[in-house]
Amino acid sequence: MRVAALDRDDLEGVRHIVEAAFPYDRVAPVLEEKLLGPNGARAGTTLVAWDGERPAGVIAMAGRWIKLFAVDPEKRGRGVGATLLDLARTWVRTRGGGGRLRFMDHPGNYLSPGLDVREEAGRAWIERHDFKLCSENVNLRVPLVGNPKVTADRARELSDRARVAGYEVRRVGKRERELLTRMAAEAFAPAWAYEVGRAIDQDPPSVFAAWKDGQPVAFAAHDANNSGLGWFGPAGTLTAHRGHGLGEALLLQCLLDVRDKPEGGVIAWIGPREFYEKAAGAVEDRRFNVFEEWP
């Protein structure tokens, strides 16, 4: 067995391995983004284990995060996974910035915010290799068909309310990228700024914002991660401008924008669960376990 960095020409060769490892995820549309896409400020690499001319396993790293890890079902039990994991540990120490390895919930570029709780075999393997459960994450889903809370009329009503209060709610333009990303970084987190930038780079930009006196005071994005699936997030409102319904107005604009996407309505890695339930009728969709290397 040999291990080498993934070449773009070999992307299709590892597709079946990744799809088999993640049956609950829509891997096909986002495979290139996960394996070869950028990771913000963190260094990244994707390694492939080869058995002769056939790929046997793949691991994608971003800093200390294992974004994606898959072994061909026909090659399991032969040490492929352990070899890739050892190489990942070496890479993190020498080039990834150090720290304990962590599975999947990489801010900015992730397939899912953890391992699906239904992946019992995956969990058992991870725990056998000195990882322990450290947190849990949840995805919600908003029904987009027949949902009286998600309609164009209601979106207009919410935007009109914001206008009366002195705010303009609209889609962000590409020329406003620096303004929005700076606001997101300073008021929220650099990872959010990175995701907002990726969403603005979509065509058309998949970010909506509320403006006051020419400045953005709230934003909401979709397709900032897993581009093309229609996942919602990130979103935030500056503290001084909360209580005016801006978050709800922006959420509705995004949800209407993703009605035709494969996973339109998914609210990934949620924070204020009650807000989404009340504003759009969101219900629980999936749960994820996050594992970190134990010293």
C-alpha atoms as a PDB file:
ATOM      1  CA  MET A   1       0.000   0.000   0.000  1.00  0.00           C
ATOM      2  CA  ARG A   2       1.206   3.478  -0.848  1.00  0.00           C
ATOM      3  CA  VAL A   3      -0.212   6.837   0.268  1.00  0.00           C
ATOM      4  CA  ALA A   4      -0.142  10.041  -1.756  1.00  0.00           C
ATOM      5  CA  ALA A   5      -1.855  13.413  -1.888  1.00  0.00           C
ATOM      6  CA  LEU A   6      -5.108  13.365  -3.841  1.00  0.00           C
ATOM      7  CA  ASP A   7      -4.748  14.516  -7.424  1.00  0.00           C
ATOM      8  CA  ARG A   8      -7.737  16.175  -9.050  1.00  0.00           C
ATOM      9  CA  ASP A   9      -7.652  13.542 -11.789  1.00  0.00           C
ATOM     10  CA  ASP A  10      -8.256  10.855  -9.144  1.00  0.00           C
ATOM     11  CA  LEU A  11     -11.313  12.539  -7.632  1.00  0.00           C
ATOM     12  CA  GLU A  12     -13.786  10.281  -9.410  1.00  0.00           C
ATOM     13  CA  GLY A  13     -11.810   7.230  -8.359  1.00  0.00           C
ATOM     14  CA  VAL A  14     -12.485   7.844  -4.659  1.00  0.00           C
ATOM     15  CA  ARG A  15     -16.129   8.826  -5.083  1.00  0.00           C
ATOM     16  CA  HIS A  16     -17.566   5.361  -4.450  1.00  0.00           C
ATOM     17  CA  ILE A  17     -15.465   4.987  -1.284  1.00  0.00           C
ATOM     18  CA  VAL A  18     -16.773   8.216   0.223  1.00  0.00           C
ATOM     19  CA  GLU A  19     -20.373   7.581  -0.791  1.00  0.00           C
ATOM     20  CA  ALA A  20     -20.263   4.120   0.802  1.00  0.00           C
ATOM     21  CA  ALA A  21     -18.871   5.562   4.034  1.00  0.00           C
ATOM     22  CA  PHE A  22     -21.519   8.302   4.353  1.00  0.00           C
ATOM     23  CA  PRO A  23     -24.896   6.821   3.367  1.00  0.00           C
ATOM     24  CA  TYR A  24     -26.842   9.602   5.126  1.00  0.00           C
ATOM     25  CA  ASP A  25     -25.062  12.464   3.341  1.00  0.00           C
ATOM     26  CA  ARG A  26     -25.396  13.803  -0.190  1.00  0.00           C
ATOM     27  CA  VAL A  27     -21.721  13.413  -1.015  1.00  0.00           C
ATOM     28  CA  ALA A  28     -21.830  13.488  -4.820  1.00  0.00           C
ATOM     29  CA  PRO A  29     -22.571  17.221  -5.351  1.00  0.00           C
ATOM     30  CA  VAL A  30     -19.974  18.395  -2.809  1.00  0.00           C
ATOM     31  CA  LEU A  31     -17.165  15.842  -3.149  1.00  0.00           C
ATOM     32  CA  GLU A  32     -14.714  18.253  -4.782  1.00  0.00           C
ATOM     33  CA  GLU A  33     -15.488  20.949  -2.205  1.00  0.00           C
ATOM     34  CA  LYS A  34     -14.824  18.555   0.675  1.00  0.00           C
ATOM     35  CA  LEU A  35     -11.651  16.951  -0.686  1.00  0.00           C
ATOM     36  CA  LEU A  36     -10.021  19.776  -2.629  1.00  0.00           C
ATOM     37  CA  GLY A  37     -11.779  22.939  -1.476  1.00  0.00           C
ATOM     38  CA  PRO A  38     -10.256  25.681   0.695  1.00  0.00           C
ATOM     39  CA  ASN A  39     -10.412  25.703   4.494  1.00  0.00           C
ATOM     40  CA  GLY A  40     -10.157  29.364   5.360  1.00  0.00           C
ATOM     41  CA  ALA A  41      -7.020  30.175   7.349  1.00  0.00           C
ATOM     42  CA  ARG A  42      -6.221  26.537   8.136  1.00  0.00           C
ATOM     43  CA  ALA A  43      -3.804  24.419   6.147  1.00  0.00           C
ATOM     44  CA  GLY A  44      -5.315  21.346   4.545  1.00  0.00           C
ATOM     45  CA  THR A  45      -4.389  18.156   2.774  1.00  0.00           C
ATOM     46  CA  THR A  46      -6.172  15.105   1.368  1.00  0.00           C
ATOM     47  CA  LEU A  47      -4.376  11.778   1.374  1.00  0.00           C
ATOM     48  CA  VAL A  48      -5.309   8.635  -0.547  1.00  0.00           C
ATOM     49  CA  ALA A  49      -4.186   5.103   0.290  1.00  0.00           C
ATOM     50  CA  TRP A  50      -3.665   2.990  -2.823  1.00  0.00           C
ATOM     51  CA  ASP A  51      -3.831  -0.788  -3.132  1.00  0.00           C
ATOM     52  CA  GLY A  52      -2.127  -1.256  -6.454  1.00  0.00           C
ATOM     53  CA  GLU A  53      -4.006   0.895  -8.936  1.00  0.00           C
ATOM     54  CA  ARG A  54      -7.161   1.143  -6.852  1.00  0.00           C
ATOM     55  CA  PRO A  55      -7.808   3.654  -4.067  1.00  0.00           C
ATOM     56  CA  ALA A  56      -8.447   1.920  -0.739  1.00  0.00           C
ATOM     57  CA  GLY A  57      -9.098   4.895   1.551  1.00  0.00           C
ATOM     58  CA  VAL A  58      -9.074   8.671   1.804  1.00  0.00           C
ATOM     59  CA  ILE A  59      -8.666  11.229   4.594  1.00  0.00           C
ATOM     60  CA  ALA A  60      -9.168  14.999   4.260  1.00  0.00           C
ATOM     61  CA  MET A  61      -7.584  17.308   6.841  1.00  0.00           C
ATOM     62  CA  ALA A  62      -8.015  20.973   7.799  1.00  0.00           C
ATOM     63  CA  GLY A  63      -5.740  21.958  10.648  1.00  0.00           C
ATOM     64  CA  ARG A  64      -6.397  19.427  13.426  1.00  0.00           C
ATOM     65  CA  TRP A  65      -9.800  18.496  11.994  1.00  0.00           C
ATOM     66  CA  ILE A  66     -10.484  15.314  10.075  1.00  0.00           C
ATOM     67  CA  LYS A  67     -13.100  16.648   7.675  1.00  0.00           C
ATOM     68  CA  LEU A  68     -13.730  13.352   5.958  1.00  0.00           C
ATOM     69  CA  PHE A  69     -12.411   9.820   6.441  1.00  0.00           C
ATOM     70  CA  ALA A  70     -13.438   6.787   4.394  1.00  0.00           C
ATOM     71  CA  VAL A  71     -12.130   3.286   3.667  1.00  0.00           C
ATOM     72  CA  ASP A  72     -13.319   1.042   0.859  1.00  0.00           C
ATOM     73  CA  PRO A  73     -15.705  -1.525   2.440  1.00  0.00           C
ATOM     74  CA  GLU A  74     -13.784  -4.302   0.653  1.00  0.00           C
ATOM     75  CA  LYS A  75     -10.503  -3.139   2.219  1.00  0.00           C
ATOM     76  CA  ARG A  76     -11.619  -2.713   5.821  1.00  0.00           C
ATOM     77  CA  GLY A  77      -9.842  -4.729   8.497  1.00  0.00           C
ATOM     78  CA  ARG A  78      -6.507  -4.552   6.651  1.00  0.00           C
ATOM     79  CA  GLY A  79      -4.996  -1.551   8.439  1.00  0.00           C
ATOM     80  CA  VAL A  80      -5.866   1.048   5.804  1.00  0.00           C
ATOM     81  CA  GLY A  81      -7.719   3.285   8.249  1.00  0.00           C
ATOM     82  CA  ALA A  82      -5.043   2.990  10.938  1.00  0.00           C
ATOM     83  CA  THR A  83      -2.326   3.912   8.430  1.00  0.00           C
ATOM     84  CA  LEU A  84      -4.192   7.018   7.282  1.00  0.00           C
ATOM     85  CA  LEU A  85      -4.908   8.022  10.870  1.00  0.00           C
ATOM     86  CA  ASP A  86      -1.211   7.744  11.811  1.00  0.00           C
ATOM     87  CA  LEU A  87      -0.276   9.882   8.815  1.00  0.00           C
ATOM     88  CA  ALA A  88      -2.903  12.438   9.816  1.00  0.00           C
ATOM     89  CA  ARG A  89      -1.384  12.659  13.293  1.00  0.00           C
ATOM     90  CA  THR A  90       2.053  13.253  11.777  1.00  0.00           C
ATOM     91  CA  TRP A  91       0.705  15.869   9.384  1.00  0.00           C
ATOM     92  CA  VAL A  92      -1.039  17.787  12.181  1.00  0.00           C
ATOM     93  CA  ARG A  93       2.166  17.909  14.237  1.00  0.00           C
ATOM     94  CA  THR A  94       4.356  19.016  11.338  1.00  0.00           C
ATOM     95  CA  ARG A  95       2.095  21.134   9.137  1.00  0.00           C
ATOM     96  CA  GLY A  96      -1.414  21.348  10.583  1.00  0.00           C
ATOM     97  CA  GLY A  97      -0.706  23.557  13.566  1.00  0.00           C
ATOM     98  CA  GLY A  98      -0.740  20.872  16.232  1.00  0.00           C
ATOM     99  CA  GLY A  99      -3.419  19.944  18.732  1.00  0.00           C
ATOM    100  CA  ARG A 100      -5.686  16.953  19.264  1.00  0.00           C
ATOM    101  CA  LEU A 101      -7.310  15.409  16.209  1.00  0.00           C
ATOM    102  CA  ARG A 102     -11.038  16.083  15.970  1.00  0.00           C
ATOM    103  CA  PHE A 103     -13.647  14.506  13.717  1.00  0.00           C
ATOM    104  CA  MET A 104     -15.686  16.379  11.116  1.00  0.00           C
ATOM    105  CA  ASP A 105     -17.038  19.596  12.690  1.00  0.00           C
ATOM    106  CA  HIS A 106     -14.532  21.856  10.944  1.00  0.00           C
ATOM    107  CA  PRO A 107     -15.819  25.461  10.829  1.00  0.00           C
ATOM    108  CA  GLY A 108     -15.997  26.665   7.248  1.00  0.00           C
ATOM    109  CA  ASN A 109     -15.817  23.475   5.210  1.00  0.00           C
ATOM    110  CA  TYR A 110     -17.518  20.364   6.561  1.00  0.00           C
ATOM    111  CA  LEU A 111     -19.587  17.525   5.115  1.00  0.00           C
ATOM    112  CA  SER A 112     -21.648  17.383   8.309  1.00  0.00           C
ATOM    113  CA  PRO A 113     -21.074  18.789  11.801  1.00  0.00           C
ATOM    114  CA  GLY A 114     -20.058  15.433  13.250  1.00  0.00           C
ATOM    115  CA  LEU A 115     -20.671  11.741  12.648  1.00  0.00           C
ATOM    116  CA  ASP A 116     -24.319  10.817  12.163  1.00  0.00           C
ATOM    117  CA  VAL A 117     -25.518   9.079  15.337  1.00  0.00           C
ATOM    118  CA  ARG A 118     -26.766   6.163  13.221  1.00  0.00           C
ATOM    119  CA  GLU A 119     -23.182   5.325  12.183  1.00  0.00           C
ATOM    120  CA  GLU A 120     -22.624   2.803  14.962  1.00  0.00           C
ATOM    121  CA  ALA A 121     -19.787   0.941  13.227  1.00  0.00           C
ATOM    122  CA  GLY A 122     -17.962   4.189  12.543  1.00  0.00           C
ATOM    123  CA  ARG A 123     -18.317   5.248  16.143  1.00  0.00           C
ATOM    124  CA  ALA A 124     -16.965   1.929  17.389  1.00  0.00           C
ATOM    125  CA  TRP A 125     -13.894   2.208  15.137  1.00  0.00           C
ATOM    126  CA  ILE A 126     -13.230   5.792  16.194  1.00  0.00           C
ATOM    127  CA  GLU A 127     -13.476   4.952  19.883  1.00  0.00           C
ATOM    128  CA  ARG A 128     -11.127   1.983  19.470  1.00  0.00           C
ATOM    129  CA  HIS A 129      -8.516   4.400  18.146  1.00  0.00           C
ATOM    130  CA  ASP A 130      -8.385   6.650  21.218  1.00  0.00           C
ATOM    131  CA  PHE A 131     -11.123   9.139  20.456  1.00  0.00           C
ATOM    132  CA  LYS A 132     -13.893  10.080  22.869  1.00  0.00           C
ATOM    133  CA  LEU A 133     -17.251  11.752  22.396  1.00  0.00           C
ATOM    134  CA  CYS A 134     -16.842  15.449  23.229  1.00  0.00           C
ATOM    135  CA  SER A 135     -20.022  17.130  21.966  1.00  0.00           C
ATOM    136  CA  GLU A 136     -23.184  16.740  19.899  1.00  0.00           C
ATOM    137  CA  ASN A 137     -24.673  18.847  17.118  1.00  0.00           C
ATOM    138  CA  VAL A 138     -28.114  18.998  15.533  1.00  0.00           C
ATOM    139  CA  ASN A 139     -29.479  19.867  12.096  1.00  0.00           C
ATOM    140  CA  LEU A 140     -33.047  21.104  11.792  1.00  0.00           C
ATOM    141  CA  ARG A 141     -35.184  21.059   8.669  1.00  0.00           C
ATOM    142  CA  VAL A 142     -37.907  23.481   7.631  1.00  0.00           C
ATOM    143  CA  PRO A 143     -40.708  22.007   5.493  1.00  0.00           C
ATOM    144  CA  LEU A 144     -40.829  24.166   2.361  1.00  0.00           C
ATOM    145  CA  VAL A 145     -43.974  22.740   0.767  1.00  0.00           C
ATOM    146  CA  GLY A 146     -47.322  23.707   2.248  1.00  0.00           C
ATOM    147  CA  ASN A 147     -45.726  25.601   5.117  1.00  0.00           C
ATOM    148  CA  PRO A 148     -47.778  28.738   5.905  1.00  0.00           C
ATOM    149  CA  LYS A 149     -44.773  30.270   7.644  1.00  0.00           C
ATOM    150  CA  VAL A 150     -42.613  30.116   4.520  1.00  0.00           C
ATOM    151  CA  THR A 151     -44.371  32.072   1.795  1.00  0.00           C
ATOM    152  CA  ALA A 152     -43.515  35.000  -0.444  1.00  0.00           C
ATOM    153  CA  ASP A 153     -46.331  37.034   1.103  1.00  0.00           C
ATOM    154  CA  ARG A 154     -44.969  36.534   4.602  1.00  0.00           C
ATOM    155  CA  ALA A 155     -41.453  37.392   3.453  1.00  0.00           C
ATOM    156  CA  ARG A 156     -42.748  40.665   1.992  1.00  0.00           C
ATOM    157  CA  GLU A 157     -44.643  41.387   5.200  1.00  0.00           C
ATOM    158  CA  LEU A 158     -41.542  40.903   7.311  1.00  0.00           C
ATOM    159  CA  SER A 159     -39.423  43.031   4.979  1.00  0.00           C
ATOM    160  CA  ASP A 160     -42.074  45.769   5.056  1.00  0.00           C
ATOM    161  CA  ARG A 161     -42.024  45.742   8.857  1.00  0.00           C
ATOM    162  CA  ALA A 162     -38.271  46.128   8.800  1.00  0.00           C
ATOM    163  CA  ARG A 163     -38.580  49.028   6.345  1.00  0.00           C
ATOM    164  CA  VAL A 164     -41.003  50.835   8.643  1.00  0.00           C
ATOM    165  CA  ALA A 165     -38.450  50.445  11.439  1.00  0.00           C
ATOM    166  CA  GLY A 166     -35.778  52.010   9.221  1.00  0.00           C
ATOM    167  CA  TYR A 167     -34.094  48.927   7.759  1.00  0.00           C
ATOM    168  CA  GLU A 168     -33.619  47.695   4.207  1.00  0.00           C
ATOM    169  CA  VAL A 169     -33.668  43.923   3.682  1.00  0.00           C
ATOM    170  CA  ARG A 170     -32.199  42.713   0.391  1.00  0.00           C
ATOM    171  CA  ARG A 171     -29.769  40.394  -1.339  1.00  0.00           C
ATOM    172  CA  VAL A 172     -26.124  41.364  -0.972  1.00  0.00           C
ATOM    173  CA  GLY A 173     -24.155  42.456  -4.031  1.00  0.00           C
ATOM    174  CA  LYS A 174     -20.696  41.138  -4.875  1.00  0.00           C
ATOM    175  CA  ARG A 175     -19.198  44.600  -4.408  1.00  0.00           C
ATOM    176  CA  GLU A 176     -20.337  44.496  -0.784  1.00  0.00           C
ATOM    177  CA  ARG A 177     -18.273  41.387  -0.017  1.00  0.00           C
ATOM    178  CA  GLU A 178     -15.554  43.140   1.983  1.00  0.00           C
ATOM    179  CA  LEU A 179     -18.076  45.143   4.010  1.00  0.00           C
ATOM    180  CA  LEU A 180     -20.082  42.041   4.962  1.00  0.00           C
ATOM    181  CA  THR A 181     -17.137  39.785   5.705  1.00  0.00           C
ATOM    182  CA  ARG A 182     -15.514  42.437   7.887  1.00  0.00           C
ATOM    183  CA  MET A 183     -18.722  42.867   9.874  1.00  0.00           C
ATOM    184  CA  ALA A 184     -19.092  39.095  10.298  1.00  0.00           C
ATOM    185  CA  ALA A 185     -15.482  38.694  11.441  1.00  0.00           C
ATOM    186  CA  GLU A 186     -15.526  41.566  13.914  1.00  0.00           C
ATOM    187  CA  ALA A 187     -18.967  40.932  15.435  1.00  0.00           C
ATOM    188  CA  PHE A 188     -19.163  37.132  15.227  1.00  0.00           C
ATOM    189  CA  ALA A 189     -16.289  34.865  14.121  1.00  0.00           C
ATOM    190  CA  PRO A 190     -13.614  34.629  11.412  1.00  0.00           C
ATOM    191  CA  ALA A 191     -15.072  31.287  10.311  1.00  0.00           C
ATOM    192  CA  TRP A 192     -18.434  32.956   9.730  1.00  0.00           C
ATOM    193  CA  ALA A 193     -16.756  35.673   7.695  1.00  0.00           C
ATOM    194  CA  TYR A 194     -15.117  32.999   5.558  1.00  0.00           C
ATOM    195  CA  GLU A 195     -18.453  31.269   4.970  1.00  0.00           C
ATOM    196  CA  VAL A 196     -20.203  34.558   4.200  1.00  0.00           C
ATOM    197  CA  GLY A 197     -17.528  35.287   1.612  1.00  0.00           C
ATOM    198  CA  ARG A 198     -18.064  31.921  -0.029  1.00  0.00           C
ATOM    199  CA  ALA A 199     -21.810  32.542  -0.132  1.00  0.00           C
ATOM    200  CA  ILE A 200     -21.340  35.963  -1.722  1.00  0.00           C
ATOM    201  CA  ASP A 201     -19.158  34.333  -4.369  1.00  0.00           C
ATOM    202  CA  GLN A 202     -22.143  32.227  -5.483  1.00  0.00           C
ATOM    203  CA  ASP A 203     -24.025  33.342  -8.584  1.00  0.00           C
ATOM    204  CA  PRO A 204     -26.228  35.037  -7.589  1.00  0.00           C
ATOM    205  CA  PRO A 205     -24.863  35.766  -4.114  1.00  0.00           C
ATOM    206  CA  SER A 206     -26.609  33.584  -1.533  1.00  0.00           C
ATOM    207  CA  VAL A 207     -26.490  36.146   1.274  1.00  0.00           C
ATOM    208  CA  PHE A 208     -29.206  38.544   2.401  1.00  0.00           C
ATOM    209  CA  ALA A 209     -28.593  41.434   4.775  1.00  0.00           C
ATOM    210  CA  ALA A 210     -30.429  44.158   6.668  1.00  0.00           C
ATOM    211  CA  TRP A 211     -28.997  47.633   6.269  1.00  0.00           C
ATOM    212  CA  LYS A 212     -29.223  50.744   8.429  1.00  0.00           C
ATOM    213  CA  ASP A 213     -27.695  54.061   7.349  1.00  0.00           C
ATOM    214  CA  GLY A 214     -25.712  52.278   4.645  1.00  0.00           C
ATOM    215  CA  GLN A 215     -24.187  49.709   6.990  1.00  0.00           C
ATOM    216  CA  PRO A 216     -25.019  45.990   7.370  1.00  0.00           C
ATOM    217  CA  VAL A 217     -26.488  45.189  10.789  1.00  0.00           C
ATOM    218  CA  ALA A 218     -27.725  41.635  10.169  1.00  0.00           C
ATOM    219  CA  PHE A 219     -27.103  38.876   7.623  1.00  0.00           C
ATOM    220  CA  ALA A 220     -28.185  35.373   6.693  1.00  0.00           C
ATOM    221  CA  ALA A 221     -26.608  33.031   4.163  1.00  0.00           C
ATOM    222  CA  HIS A 222     -27.229  29.728   2.464  1.00  0.00           C
ATOM    223  CA  ASP A 223     -24.907  27.478   0.458  1.00  0.00           C
ATOM    224  CA  ALA A 224     -21.945  28.918   2.351  1.00  0.00           C
ATOM    225  CA  ASN A 225     -20.965  25.307   2.985  1.00  0.00           C
ATOM    226  CA  ASN A 226     -21.917  22.226   0.946  1.00  0.00           C
ATOM    227  CA  SER A 227     -22.559  24.513  -1.976  1.00  0.00           C
ATOM    228  CA  GLY A 228     -25.554  23.526  -4.073  1.00  0.00           C
ATOM    229  CA  LEU A 229     -27.397  21.571  -1.389  1.00  0.00           C
ATOM    230  CA  GLY A 230     -29.277  24.559   0.024  1.00  0.00           C
ATOM    231  CA  TRP A 231     -28.161  24.417   3.657  1.00  0.00           C
ATOM    232  CA  PHE A 232     -28.911  27.541   5.699  1.00  0.00           C
ATOM    233  CA  GLY A 233     -26.304  29.441   7.724  1.00  0.00           C
ATOM    234  CA  PRO A 234     -24.507  31.259   9.109  1.00  0.00           C
ATOM    235  CA  ALA A 235     -26.724  34.130  10.265  1.00  0.00           C
ATOM    236  CA  GLY A 236     -26.383  36.878  12.834  1.00  0.00           C
ATOM    237  CA  THR A 237     -27.770  40.224  13.983  1.00  0.00           C
ATOM    238  CA  LEU A 238     -25.775  42.906  15.773  1.00  0.00           C
ATOM    239  CA  THR A 239     -26.875  43.200  19.405  1.00  0.00           C
ATOM    240  CA  ALA A 240     -28.074  46.788  19.100  1.00  0.00           C
ATOM    241  CA  HIS A 241     -30.446  45.873  16.265  1.00  0.00           C
ATOM    242  CA  ARG A 242     -32.108  42.793  17.692  1.00  0.00           C
ATOM    243  CA  GLY A 243     -35.825  42.781  18.441  1.00  0.00           C
ATOM    244  CA  HIS A 244     -36.899  44.213  15.084  1.00  0.00           C
ATOM    245  CA  GLY A 245     -37.611  40.905  13.316  1.00  0.00           C
ATOM    246  CA  LEU A 246     -34.535  41.165  11.085  1.00  0.00           C
ATOM    247  CA  GLY A 247     -33.397  37.596  11.674  1.00  0.00           C
ATOM    248  CA  GLU A 248     -36.829  36.254  10.788  1.00  0.00           C
ATOM    249  CA  ALA A 249     -37.042  38.391   7.639  1.00  0.00           C
ATOM    250  CA  LEU A 250     -33.606  37.245   6.455  1.00  0.00           C
ATOM    251  CA  LEU A 251     -34.332  33.597   7.259  1.00  0.00           C
ATOM    252  CA  LEU A 252     -37.460  33.698   5.096  1.00  0.00           C
ATOM    253  CA  GLN A 253     -35.577  35.225   2.173  1.00  0.00           C
ATOM    254  CA  CYS A 254     -33.014  32.422   2.326  1.00  0.00           C
ATOM    255  CA  LEU A 255     -35.602  29.660   2.646  1.00  0.00           C
ATOM    256  CA  LEU A 256     -37.513  30.915  -0.381  1.00  0.00           C
ATOM    257  CA  ASP A 257     -34.220  31.018  -2.270  1.00  0.00           C
ATOM    258  CA  VAL A 258     -33.512  27.291  -1.702  1.00  0.00           C
ATOM    259  CA  ARG A 259     -36.919  25.779  -2.452  1.00  0.00           C
ATOM    260  CA  ASP A 260     -35.524  23.920  -5.477  1.00  0.00           C
ATOM    261  CA  LYS A 261     -32.265  22.753  -3.850  1.00  0.00           C
ATOM    262  CA  PRO A 262     -31.702  19.062  -2.984  1.00  0.00           C
ATOM    263  CA  GLU A 263     -31.632  19.796   0.761  1.00  0.00           C
ATOM    264  CA  GLY A 264     -33.339  23.156   0.836  1.00  0.00           C
ATOM    265  CA  GLY A 265     -34.675  23.874   4.305  1.00  0.00           C
ATOM    266  CA  VAL A 266     -31.841  22.247   6.266  1.00  0.00           C
ATOM    267  CA  ILE A 267     -30.588  24.497   9.056  1.00  0.00           C
ATOM    268  CA  ALA A 268     -27.152  23.135   9.848  1.00  0.00           C
ATOM    269  CA  TRP A 269     -25.332  23.116  13.162  1.00  0.00           C
ATOM    270  CA  ILE A 270     -28.066  25.111  14.862  1.00  0.00           C
ATOM    271  CA  GLY A 271     -27.781  27.572  17.705  1.00  0.00           C
ATOM    272  CA  PRO A 272     -31.098  29.202  18.730  1.00  0.00           C
ATOM    273  CA  ARG A 273     -33.367  26.210  18.156  1.00  0.00           C
ATOM    274  CA  GLU A 274     -36.541  27.847  19.540  1.00  0.00           C
ATOM    275  CA  PHE A 275     -36.158  30.767  17.142  1.00  0.00           C
ATOM    276  CA  TYR A 276     -36.188  28.492  14.086  1.00  0.00           C
ATOM    277  CA  GLU A 277     -39.092  26.445  15.394  1.00  0.00           C
ATOM    278  CA  LYS A 278     -41.190  29.536  15.996  1.00  0.00           C
ATOM    279  CA  ALA A 279     -40.135  31.527  12.933  1.00  0.00           C
ATOM    280  CA  ALA A 280     -40.379  28.793  10.306  1.00  0.00           C
ATOM    281  CA  GLY A 281     -41.763  25.609  11.844  1.00  0.00           C
ATOM    282  CA  ALA A 282     -38.380  23.864  11.891  1.00  0.00           C
ATOM    283  CA  VAL A 283     -38.233  20.277  13.154  1.00  0.00           C
ATOM    284  CA  GLU A 284     -35.289  18.092  14.126  1.00  0.00           C
ATOM    285  CA  ASP A 285     -33.651  16.427  11.148  1.00  0.00           C
ATOM    286  CA  ARG A 286     -30.351  14.779  12.148  1.00  0.00           C
ATOM    287  CA  ARG A 287     -28.065  14.393  15.161  1.00  0.00           C
ATOM    288  CA  PHE A 288     -24.288  14.150  15.101  1.00  0.00           C
ATOM    289  CA  ASN A 289     -21.544  13.039  17.479  1.00  0.00           C
ATOM    290  CA  VAL A 290     -18.237  14.889  17.608  1.00  0.00           C
ATOM    291  CA  PHE A 291     -15.114  13.008  18.683  1.00  0.00           C
ATOM    292  CA  GLU A 292     -11.754  14.292  19.833  1.00  0.00           C
ATOM    293  CA  GLU A 293      -8.489  12.471  20.374  1.00  0.00           C
ATOM    294  CA  TRP A 294      -7.955  11.475  23.986  1.00  0.00           C
ATOM    295  CA  PRO A 295      -4.444  12.009  25.420  1.00  0.00           C
END
